[in-house]
Amino acid sequence: MGSEMINRRSALKSLALGAVSLLAIAAGTFSAQAENKELKIGFVGVTSGPAAAWGTSNVRSMQTRADWLNETGGVKIGDDTYNITIVTFDDQRDPKRAIAGMEKMAQEGIHYVVGPNVDDGAAAVRPVAESKGVIYFPYAFPKALYTPPASNAVLGMVANYQSGPAIYKYLKENKGVKKVAFIAANESDPLSQRDSGVAAAKELGLEVVAEKDTYQNDTRDFTPVLTPIVQLKPDLLVLSGVAPANAPLLIRAARELGYEGLMSAETAQDATVLQEGAGELANGFISVGGASTPEIRTPVMEEFIDRYTKKFGEYNDESNTKVYALEYIVETLKANPKAIDNVEEFKKTIDGFSAPNPYAKDSTLKYVGATSFGQKRQLSVPMVVTEFKDGAFQTLFVGEVD
């Protein structure tokens, strides 16, 4: 009995010492992190309404990666180590709110902002960004944002005028597409995407049978607007700039009208939304996917997807692209620590910047866009074109932008 008591006391003492050691380690880690400086990175974009999936995937990607980096001790930039804080602002797809959001970021001393997600919002914030010293990373396509004299915006994804021609060319050569019809929401963003899509299709020698048909973004019954287009029997129906919530409604309406051709979009979509809204009717729908496929993913990308899924209970394929913005900001700051509070230093670093791509095999982080914009104002991310099938996206082909 006595020896048992002694053993128990020894065991309890060991446990207590172990607990103290763990607390000391935890306290040390906390203390080290507490000593880190704070690096605020902003987001201004849409996280509510029909296009919510676009901005939500931005925010969730940034939060997942920031938590991960902070958990592993923070980010070493020059002589200092930083914990990353993500500051978000929902612009509700309203240009006036986007301006207010960018002004808020500037007031907080934030120099690097991801977003906005649409053309008019990205154009609206340009004067604030340029006057207040903010580099921003829009998911919007107007070339004027990225061509001289503009220099503060960096395109965060592949543009429709880069992916559109690639998709049409692929479908012409592999699926026998000859006749194309376009439909777009009556808003500046989708209309500009439609116009560049029409130009690209004509340049490829495709016959464009519809290029002026539009709908209001709050439409829920697309039968009236699609009926005349379906009667033209195009081989491909392009849903220009379609918001994720509207895509399944358009697909369902077209199929229920008897349309049997192909459908595509140059905007990224949400597999869950497509499945819930159109089910098997969405099978075969082609869109620009996230910049990742199972074949090119690294273990870091696999872990990112796992962390994201655990944190939010689901994963959005578009985050395969949206994971890149924060990574580029951090790695460019590492390459030139002076840029931490000076965007002119950031701009100087862009042209010669290069770093290993943690998310895709045999790939490099670099800035591109010289061909499209006359200067490097675009993140290099793999151009993955996907086809929807049975609730998930499958890779159709992978390309690259110069």
Protein backbone atom coordinates (compact mmCIF):
# COMPACT_ATOMS: atom_id res chain seq x y z
CA MET A 1 0.00 0.00 0.00
CA GLY A 2 2.84 2.37 1.00
CA SER A 3 4.78 1.79 -2.24
CA GLU A 4 1.63 2.28 -4.30
CA MET A 5 1.05 5.60 -2.57
CA ILE A 6 4.64 6.67 -3.27
CA ASN A 7 4.31 5.65 -6.94
CA ARG A 8 1.09 7.61 -7.25
CA ARG A 9 2.70 10.66 -5.71
CA SER A 10 5.65 10.32 -8.08
CA ALA A 11 3.29 9.96 -11.02
CA LEU A 12 1.28 13.00 -9.91
CA LYS A 13 4.48 14.97 -9.41
CA SER A 14 5.67 14.01 -12.91
CA LEU A 15 2.32 15.02 -14.40
CA ALA A 16 2.45 18.33 -12.55
CA LEU A 17 6.00 19.00 -13.74
CA GLY A 18 4.96 18.03 -17.28
CA ALA A 19 2.02 20.40 -17.11
CA VAL A 20 4.27 23.20 -15.84
CA SER A 21 6.71 22.51 -18.71
CA LEU A 22 3.89 22.61 -21.27
CA LEU A 23 2.58 25.84 -19.75
CA ALA A 24 6.08 27.32 -19.90
CA ILE A 25 6.44 26.32 -23.56
CA ALA A 26 2.98 27.71 -24.36
CA ALA A 27 3.78 30.91 -22.45
CA GLY A 28 7.07 31.22 -24.32
CA THR A 29 5.35 30.74 -27.66
CA PHE A 30 2.65 33.24 -26.70
CA SER A 31 5.30 35.68 -25.49
CA ALA A 32 7.24 35.32 -28.74
CA GLN A 33 4.09 35.88 -30.78
CA ALA A 34 3.09 38.80 -28.56
CA GLU A 35 6.46 40.41 -29.31
CA ASN A 36 5.81 40.15 -33.05
CA LYS A 37 4.76 43.27 -34.90
CA GLU A 38 1.38 43.40 -36.62
CA LEU A 39 1.00 43.45 -40.40
CA LYS A 40 -2.51 44.39 -41.46
CA ILE A 41 -3.65 43.23 -44.91
CA GLY A 42 -7.04 44.47 -46.11
CA PHE A 43 -9.91 43.07 -48.11
CA VAL A 44 -12.52 45.25 -49.82
CA GLY A 45 -15.02 43.27 -51.87
CA VAL A 46 -18.37 41.55 -52.09
CA THR A 47 -19.31 39.01 -49.42
CA SER A 48 -23.11 39.32 -49.63
CA GLY A 49 -25.73 39.02 -52.37
CA PRO A 50 -25.63 36.94 -55.61
CA ALA A 51 -21.86 37.35 -56.06
CA ALA A 52 -20.98 36.64 -52.41
CA ALA A 53 -19.01 33.48 -53.26
CA TRP A 54 -16.36 35.57 -55.06
CA GLY A 55 -15.41 37.68 -52.05
CA THR A 56 -16.09 35.02 -49.45
CA SER A 57 -13.47 32.76 -51.07
CA ASN A 58 -11.01 35.69 -50.91
CA VAL A 59 -11.60 36.35 -47.23
CA ARG A 60 -11.58 32.71 -46.18
CA SER A 61 -8.37 32.03 -48.12
CA MET A 62 -6.65 35.01 -46.50
CA GLN A 63 -7.84 34.09 -43.00
CA THR A 64 -6.83 30.45 -43.38
CA ARG A 65 -3.32 31.30 -44.58
CA ALA A 66 -2.82 34.12 -42.05
CA ASP A 67 -3.80 31.83 -39.16
CA TRP A 68 -1.41 29.19 -40.45
CA LEU A 69 1.53 31.60 -40.78
CA ASN A 70 0.85 33.12 -37.35
CA GLU A 71 0.60 29.66 -35.80
CA THR A 72 4.08 28.82 -37.07
CA GLY A 73 5.65 31.92 -35.51
CA GLY A 74 4.69 34.70 -37.91
CA VAL A 75 6.40 36.09 -41.00
CA LYS A 76 10.02 37.30 -40.99
CA ILE A 77 10.37 40.46 -43.10
CA GLY A 78 13.78 42.07 -42.84
CA ASP A 79 14.81 42.27 -39.19
CA ASP A 80 11.26 42.03 -37.83
CA THR A 81 8.70 39.25 -37.43
CA TYR A 82 5.04 39.98 -38.04
CA ASN A 83 1.71 38.41 -37.19
CA ILE A 84 -0.77 38.96 -40.01
CA THR A 85 -4.19 40.44 -39.30
CA ILE A 86 -6.84 40.38 -42.04
CA VAL A 87 -9.12 43.44 -42.03
CA THR A 88 -12.28 42.96 -44.12
CA PHE A 89 -14.95 45.24 -45.59
CA ASP A 90 -18.04 44.04 -47.47
CA ASP A 91 -18.70 46.51 -50.31
CA GLN A 92 -21.96 44.71 -51.23
CA ARG A 93 -20.94 45.09 -54.89
CA ASP A 94 -21.59 48.84 -54.58
CA PRO A 95 -18.84 51.14 -55.97
CA LYS A 96 -19.62 53.84 -53.39
CA ARG A 97 -19.19 51.35 -50.55
CA ALA A 98 -15.98 50.10 -52.18
CA ILE A 99 -14.60 53.66 -52.04
CA ALA A 100 -15.61 53.92 -48.37
CA GLY A 101 -13.92 50.59 -47.70
CA MET A 102 -10.66 51.64 -49.37
CA GLU A 103 -10.69 54.94 -47.45
CA LYS A 104 -11.14 52.96 -44.22
CA MET A 105 -8.11 50.82 -45.11
CA ALA A 106 -6.00 53.91 -45.79
CA GLN A 107 -7.06 55.49 -42.49
CA GLU A 108 -5.90 52.34 -40.69
CA GLY A 109 -2.50 52.60 -42.38
CA ILE A 110 -3.07 49.52 -44.52
CA HIS A 111 -0.99 49.63 -47.71
CA TYR A 112 -1.99 46.29 -49.28
CA VAL A 113 -5.60 45.41 -50.02
CA VAL A 114 -7.13 42.41 -51.81
CA GLY A 115 -10.20 43.20 -53.95
CA PRO A 116 -12.61 44.54 -55.16
CA ASN A 117 -14.21 41.65 -57.06
CA VAL A 118 -16.01 43.51 -59.87
CA ASP A 119 -15.05 45.99 -62.57
CA ASP A 120 -16.88 49.12 -61.43
CA GLY A 121 -15.78 48.68 -57.81
CA ALA A 122 -12.15 48.21 -58.82
CA ALA A 123 -12.30 51.31 -61.05
CA ALA A 124 -14.04 53.37 -58.36
CA VAL A 125 -11.33 52.83 -55.72
CA ARG A 126 -8.43 53.70 -58.02
CA PRO A 127 -8.22 57.42 -57.05
CA VAL A 128 -8.20 56.56 -53.34
CA ALA A 129 -5.56 53.86 -53.77
CA GLU A 130 -3.30 56.11 -55.83
CA SER A 131 -3.64 59.18 -53.59
CA LYS A 132 -3.32 57.27 -50.28
CA GLY A 133 -0.50 54.88 -51.23
CA VAL A 134 -2.36 51.59 -51.45
CA ILE A 135 -1.53 48.65 -53.72
CA TYR A 136 -4.68 46.66 -54.40
CA PHE A 137 -5.32 43.30 -56.02
CA PRO A 138 -8.67 43.34 -57.86
CA TYR A 139 -10.48 40.40 -59.39
CA ALA A 140 -11.72 42.63 -62.18
CA PHE A 141 -10.74 42.86 -65.80
CA PRO A 142 -10.68 46.45 -67.26
CA LYS A 143 -7.27 46.89 -68.87
CA ALA A 144 -7.17 50.57 -67.88
CA LEU A 145 -6.62 49.50 -64.26
CA TYR A 146 -3.35 47.76 -65.10
CA THR A 147 -1.93 49.73 -68.04
CA PRO A 148 0.17 52.91 -67.65
CA PRO A 149 -0.31 55.46 -66.21
CA ALA A 150 -2.18 53.26 -63.67
CA SER A 151 0.29 51.39 -61.48
CA ASN A 152 -1.34 50.60 -58.11
CA ALA A 153 -3.62 47.72 -59.18
CA VAL A 154 -2.39 44.15 -59.69
CA LEU A 155 -4.80 41.67 -61.31
CA GLY A 156 -5.26 38.70 -58.98
CA MET A 157 -6.44 36.13 -61.51
CA VAL A 158 -6.56 35.20 -65.20
CA ALA A 159 -8.67 37.73 -67.15
CA ASN A 160 -11.61 36.74 -69.32
CA TYR A 161 -9.82 38.14 -72.41
CA GLN A 162 -7.01 35.69 -71.61
CA SER A 163 -9.11 32.64 -70.66
CA GLY A 164 -11.97 33.27 -73.14
CA PRO A 165 -9.89 32.82 -76.30
CA ALA A 166 -8.22 29.75 -74.78
CA ILE A 167 -11.62 28.17 -74.00
CA TYR A 168 -13.16 29.01 -77.41
CA LYS A 169 -10.06 27.72 -79.22
CA TYR A 170 -10.14 24.48 -77.23
CA LEU A 171 -13.86 23.96 -77.90
CA LYS A 172 -13.48 24.79 -81.59
CA GLU A 173 -10.63 22.29 -82.01
CA ASN A 174 -11.91 19.54 -79.68
CA LYS A 175 -15.71 19.85 -79.61
CA GLY A 176 -16.47 21.16 -83.09
CA VAL A 177 -17.95 24.47 -81.90
CA LYS A 178 -18.81 26.83 -84.78
CA LYS A 179 -21.74 28.98 -83.59
CA VAL A 180 -21.58 30.97 -80.35
CA ALA A 181 -24.20 33.01 -78.46
CA PHE A 182 -23.55 35.40 -75.57
CA ILE A 183 -25.81 36.58 -72.76
CA ALA A 184 -24.89 38.97 -69.95
CA ALA A 185 -26.35 40.83 -67.00
CA ASN A 186 -27.06 44.47 -67.82
CA GLU A 187 -24.13 45.76 -65.73
CA SER A 188 -20.73 47.17 -66.68
CA ASP A 189 -18.71 44.17 -65.48
CA PRO A 190 -20.48 41.38 -67.41
CA LEU A 191 -21.09 43.63 -70.42
CA SER A 192 -17.39 44.39 -70.80
CA GLN A 193 -16.62 40.67 -70.47
CA ARG A 194 -19.23 39.92 -73.13
CA ASP A 195 -17.75 42.47 -75.54
CA SER A 196 -14.21 41.10 -75.20
CA GLY A 197 -15.58 37.55 -75.52
CA VAL A 198 -17.44 38.43 -78.70
CA ALA A 199 -14.27 39.99 -80.17
CA ALA A 200 -12.20 36.91 -79.27
CA ALA A 201 -14.77 34.52 -80.76
CA LYS A 202 -14.90 36.46 -84.04
CA GLU A 203 -11.11 36.58 -84.22
CA LEU A 204 -11.09 32.78 -84.01
CA GLY A 205 -13.46 32.62 -86.97
CA LEU A 206 -16.51 31.53 -84.95
CA GLU A 207 -19.98 32.69 -85.96
CA VAL A 208 -21.52 34.86 -83.23
CA VAL A 209 -25.31 34.47 -83.48
CA ALA A 210 -26.27 36.53 -80.40
CA GLU A 211 -24.26 39.30 -78.74
CA LYS A 212 -26.74 41.88 -77.41
CA ASP A 213 -29.04 39.86 -75.13
CA THR A 214 -29.09 41.00 -71.51
CA TYR A 215 -30.99 40.49 -68.24
CA GLN A 216 -31.31 42.34 -64.94
CA ASN A 217 -29.09 40.91 -62.21
CA ASP A 218 -32.05 40.25 -59.90
CA THR A 219 -33.86 38.14 -62.55
CA ARG A 220 -35.07 34.77 -61.31
CA ASP A 221 -37.00 33.56 -64.39
CA PHE A 222 -34.63 33.41 -67.34
CA THR A 223 -37.01 31.63 -69.73
CA PRO A 224 -38.15 34.78 -71.61
CA VAL A 225 -34.63 36.06 -72.29
CA LEU A 226 -33.21 32.63 -73.23
CA THR A 227 -36.05 31.47 -75.51
CA PRO A 228 -34.94 33.42 -78.63
CA ILE A 229 -31.29 32.45 -78.09
CA VAL A 230 -32.06 28.73 -77.75
CA GLN A 231 -34.05 28.91 -81.01
CA LEU A 232 -30.83 30.02 -82.78
CA LYS A 233 -29.27 26.64 -81.82
CA PRO A 234 -25.76 27.81 -80.98
CA ASP A 235 -23.07 25.20 -80.32
CA LEU A 236 -21.89 27.22 -77.32
CA LEU A 237 -23.80 29.55 -75.00
CA VAL A 238 -21.49 31.88 -73.07
CA LEU A 239 -22.78 33.28 -69.76
CA SER A 240 -20.60 36.37 -69.67
CA GLY A 241 -19.54 37.52 -66.20
CA VAL A 242 -22.28 35.44 -64.61
CA ALA A 243 -22.62 35.69 -60.83
CA PRO A 244 -22.41 32.31 -59.03
CA ALA A 245 -26.02 32.51 -57.81
CA ASN A 246 -27.37 33.18 -61.33
CA ALA A 247 -25.39 30.52 -63.20
CA PRO A 248 -27.54 27.52 -62.13
CA LEU A 249 -30.76 29.42 -62.91
CA LEU A 250 -29.58 30.21 -66.43
CA ILE A 251 -28.34 26.65 -66.97
CA ARG A 252 -31.59 25.13 -65.74
CA ALA A 253 -33.71 27.47 -67.89
CA ALA A 254 -31.66 26.76 -71.03
CA ARG A 255 -31.84 22.98 -70.56
CA GLU A 256 -35.56 23.05 -69.80
CA LEU A 257 -36.06 24.98 -73.06
CA GLY A 258 -34.39 22.09 -74.88
CA TYR A 259 -30.92 23.54 -75.38
CA GLU A 260 -28.45 20.70 -75.96
CA GLY A 261 -25.25 22.60 -76.72
CA LEU A 262 -22.29 23.53 -74.54
CA MET A 263 -22.34 26.31 -71.93
CA SER A 264 -19.40 28.20 -70.48
CA ALA A 265 -18.35 31.19 -68.38
CA GLU A 266 -15.04 33.00 -67.93
CA THR A 267 -15.85 33.73 -64.29
CA ALA A 268 -15.11 31.22 -61.55
CA GLN A 269 -18.09 29.37 -60.11
CA ASP A 270 -19.08 27.51 -56.95
CA ALA A 271 -19.64 23.75 -57.33
CA THR A 272 -22.00 23.58 -54.36
CA VAL A 273 -24.19 26.38 -55.73
CA LEU A 274 -24.30 24.74 -59.17
CA GLN A 275 -25.21 21.37 -57.70
CA GLU A 276 -27.93 22.76 -55.45
CA GLY A 277 -29.40 25.02 -58.14
CA ALA A 278 -29.15 22.90 -61.28
CA GLY A 279 -28.03 19.39 -60.30
CA GLU A 280 -27.24 17.11 -63.22
CA LEU A 281 -28.47 19.79 -65.66
CA ALA A 282 -25.19 21.59 -64.91
CA ASN A 283 -23.10 18.61 -66.05
CA GLY A 284 -20.75 19.72 -68.81
CA PHE A 285 -20.76 23.40 -67.77
CA ILE A 286 -17.31 24.88 -68.45
CA SER A 287 -15.75 27.65 -66.36
CA VAL A 288 -12.41 28.95 -65.16
CA GLY A 289 -11.54 26.94 -62.09
CA GLY A 290 -9.25 27.57 -59.19
CA ALA A 291 -5.57 27.55 -60.06
CA SER A 292 -5.04 23.98 -58.93
CA THR A 293 -5.69 20.43 -59.98
CA PRO A 294 -4.94 17.24 -58.04
CA GLU A 295 -2.08 16.57 -60.48
CA ILE A 296 -0.21 19.84 -59.80
CA ARG A 297 -0.98 20.33 -56.08
CA THR A 298 1.87 20.36 -53.58
CA PRO A 299 1.56 19.02 -50.00
CA VAL A 300 1.25 22.67 -48.87
CA MET A 301 -1.79 23.11 -51.12
CA GLU A 302 -3.30 19.90 -49.78
CA GLU A 303 -2.80 21.16 -46.23
CA PHE A 304 -4.31 24.55 -47.13
CA ILE A 305 -7.45 22.85 -48.44
CA ASP A 306 -7.61 20.71 -45.30
CA ARG A 307 -7.19 23.70 -42.96
CA TYR A 308 -9.74 25.76 -44.90
CA THR A 309 -12.28 22.92 -44.83
CA LYS A 310 -11.84 22.37 -41.10
CA LYS A 311 -12.12 26.09 -40.39
CA PHE A 312 -15.25 26.77 -42.48
CA GLY A 313 -16.90 23.36 -42.89
CA GLU A 314 -16.63 23.44 -46.69
CA TYR A 315 -14.20 24.31 -49.47
CA ASN A 316 -14.69 26.59 -52.48
CA ASP A 317 -12.74 25.58 -55.58
CA GLU A 318 -12.24 29.26 -56.39
CA SER A 319 -9.97 29.51 -53.36
CA ASN A 320 -7.38 27.58 -55.38
CA THR A 321 -6.87 30.95 -57.10
CA LYS A 322 -7.67 33.24 -54.17
CA VAL A 323 -4.96 31.67 -51.97
CA TYR A 324 -2.32 33.45 -54.04
CA ALA A 325 -2.85 37.16 -53.28
CA LEU A 326 -1.71 37.09 -49.64
CA GLU A 327 1.23 34.85 -50.57
CA TYR A 328 2.42 37.31 -53.24
CA ILE A 329 2.11 40.27 -50.86
CA VAL A 330 4.09 38.53 -48.11
CA GLU A 331 6.80 37.15 -50.41
CA THR A 332 7.27 40.50 -52.19
CA LEU A 333 7.64 42.25 -48.82
CA LYS A 334 10.20 39.62 -47.84
CA ALA A 335 12.10 40.39 -51.04
CA ASN A 336 12.11 44.11 -50.22
CA PRO A 337 11.36 44.92 -46.55
CA LYS A 338 11.34 48.67 -47.35
CA ALA A 339 7.98 48.05 -49.04
CA ILE A 340 6.30 47.31 -45.69
CA ASP A 341 5.12 50.95 -45.57
CA ASN A 342 6.18 52.23 -48.99
CA VAL A 343 4.28 51.02 -52.05
CA GLU A 344 6.77 52.65 -54.40
CA GLU A 345 9.35 50.17 -53.11
CA PHE A 346 6.84 47.37 -53.76
CA LYS A 347 6.45 48.52 -57.37
CA LYS A 348 10.23 48.56 -57.84
CA THR A 349 10.36 44.93 -56.73
CA ILE A 350 7.66 43.61 -59.07
CA ASP A 351 9.65 43.32 -62.32
CA GLY A 352 12.47 41.15 -60.99
CA PHE A 353 10.48 39.29 -58.34
CA SER A 354 10.51 35.52 -58.22
CA ALA A 355 9.91 32.96 -55.47
CA PRO A 356 9.06 29.25 -55.27
CA ASN A 357 5.33 28.53 -55.67
CA PRO A 358 4.27 26.67 -52.50
CA TYR A 359 0.97 25.57 -54.03
CA ALA A 360 1.78 24.18 -57.50
CA LYS A 361 4.53 21.77 -58.55
CA ASP A 362 7.27 23.01 -60.89
CA SER A 363 5.92 26.55 -60.70
CA THR A 364 7.20 29.99 -59.70
CA LEU A 365 5.57 33.01 -58.12
CA LYS A 366 6.18 35.92 -60.50
CA TYR A 367 4.38 38.93 -61.88
CA VAL A 368 3.13 38.77 -65.48
CA GLY A 369 0.83 40.78 -67.74
CA ALA A 370 3.41 42.55 -69.95
CA THR A 371 1.64 41.31 -73.10
CA SER A 372 -1.85 42.35 -71.98
CA PHE A 373 -0.98 45.56 -70.11
CA GLY A 374 2.45 46.75 -71.21
CA GLN A 375 3.74 46.26 -67.66
CA LYS A 376 3.80 43.49 -65.06
CA ARG A 377 0.62 44.06 -63.09
CA GLN A 378 -0.81 40.55 -62.80
CA LEU A 379 -0.19 37.59 -60.50
CA SER A 380 0.99 34.49 -62.32
CA VAL A 381 -1.44 31.71 -61.38
CA PRO A 382 -2.09 28.54 -63.38
CA MET A 383 -5.04 28.93 -65.77
CA VAL A 384 -7.19 25.90 -64.99
CA VAL A 385 -10.31 25.42 -67.09
CA THR A 386 -12.84 23.05 -65.56
CA GLU A 387 -15.92 21.08 -66.51
CA PHE A 388 -18.67 20.48 -63.94
CA LYS A 389 -19.77 16.89 -63.44
CA ASP A 390 -21.89 15.30 -60.69
CA GLY A 391 -21.32 17.95 -58.05
CA ALA A 392 -17.63 18.64 -58.68
CA PHE A 393 -15.27 20.35 -61.12
CA GLN A 394 -13.02 18.22 -63.32
CA THR A 395 -9.99 19.65 -65.11
CA LEU A 396 -10.51 20.23 -68.82
CA PHE A 397 -7.07 21.76 -69.49
CA VAL A 398 -4.36 23.91 -67.85
CA GLY A 399 -2.72 26.96 -69.45
CA GLU A 400 -0.53 29.93 -68.50
CA VAL A 401 -0.54 33.69 -69.05
CA ASP A 402 2.64 35.62 -69.95
